[in-house]
Protein backbone atom coordinates (compact mmCIF):
# COMPACT_ATOMS: atom_id res chain seq x y z
CA MET A 1 2.78 5.89 -16.64
CA ALA A 2 6.44 6.43 -16.06
CA VAL A 3 8.96 5.34 -18.77
CA ASP A 4 12.19 3.74 -17.51
CA PRO A 5 15.18 5.95 -18.62
CA GLU A 6 17.15 2.82 -19.71
CA LEU A 7 14.47 2.27 -22.31
CA LEU A 8 14.79 5.83 -23.69
CA ILE A 9 18.59 5.62 -23.82
CA HIS A 10 18.74 2.13 -25.36
CA SER A 11 15.57 2.27 -27.61
CA ASP A 12 17.03 -0.34 -29.99
CA LEU A 13 17.90 -2.82 -27.13
CA LYS A 14 15.15 -5.28 -28.16
CA SER A 15 16.71 -5.81 -31.63
CA ARG A 16 20.32 -5.70 -30.45
CA ASN A 17 20.14 -7.85 -27.32
CA PHE A 18 16.87 -9.62 -26.74
CA ALA A 19 18.00 -11.27 -23.45
CA ALA A 20 19.01 -7.98 -21.95
CA PHE A 21 15.71 -6.43 -23.10
CA ILE A 22 13.65 -9.22 -21.35
CA SER A 23 15.76 -8.86 -18.27
CA LEU A 24 15.05 -5.15 -18.19
CA VAL A 25 11.30 -5.66 -18.73
CA ILE A 26 11.29 -8.26 -15.83
CA ARG A 27 13.12 -5.85 -13.54
CA VAL A 28 10.78 -3.03 -14.30
CA ASN A 29 7.72 -5.24 -13.74
CA PHE A 30 9.10 -6.66 -10.61
CA SER A 31 9.84 -3.21 -9.20
CA GLY A 32 6.32 -2.20 -9.91
CA ALA A 33 4.95 -5.20 -8.24
CA VAL A 34 7.08 -4.59 -5.10
CA GLY A 35 5.75 -1.05 -5.08
CA VAL A 36 2.20 -2.11 -5.32
CA LEU A 37 2.51 -4.71 -2.64
CA SER A 38 4.21 -2.27 -0.17
CA THR A 39 1.39 0.22 -0.80
CA LEU A 40 -1.18 -2.39 -0.11
CA ALA A 41 0.59 -3.57 3.04
CA GLY A 42 0.69 0.05 4.32
CA THR A 43 -3.05 0.48 3.52
CA ILE A 44 -3.84 -2.67 5.46
CA LEU A 45 -1.81 -1.59 8.47
CA ILE A 46 -3.54 1.84 8.48
CA GLU A 47 -6.97 0.21 8.16
CA ARG A 48 -6.20 -2.16 11.00
CA ASP A 49 -5.10 0.66 13.24
CA TRP A 50 -8.21 2.65 12.34
CA ILE A 51 -10.50 -0.30 13.15
CA GLN A 52 -8.74 -0.75 16.60
CA LEU A 53 -9.12 2.99 17.22
CA GLU A 54 -12.80 2.84 16.28
CA ASN A 55 -13.42 -0.10 18.59
CA GLN A 56 -11.71 1.74 21.48
CA MET A 57 -13.93 4.78 20.84
CA VAL A 58 -17.09 2.61 20.85
CA GLU A 59 -16.07 0.94 24.10
CA ARG A 60 -15.30 4.29 25.83
CA TRP A 61 -18.55 5.71 24.52
CA GLY A 62 -20.40 2.72 26.12
CA GLU A 63 -18.56 3.34 29.34
CA TYR A 64 -19.43 7.07 29.27
CA ARG A 65 -23.10 6.28 28.62
CA ALA A 66 -23.16 3.87 31.50
CA ARG A 67 -21.55 6.36 33.93
CA SER A 68 -23.86 9.13 32.83
CA ASN A 69 -26.95 6.84 33.31
CA GLN A 70 -25.79 6.09 36.78
CA LEU A 71 -25.46 9.77 37.63
CA TRP A 72 -28.93 10.55 36.40
CA SER A 73 -30.69 7.59 37.88
């Protein structure tokens, strides 16, 4: 787990300025949430493309089988 450099530099921020500390915690959590959601969105896009590619391969395989059956019949 990565530690925000701001927290290392201002380790007494919680006791000196509680509002700034809460703001920093919210910013760090929000940034993490955005990162997780963007990763999830990318994974969904890749999965969708993979499914489309797989469906195309299945269709082409069916066409190939039909043509080869016609040749050998």
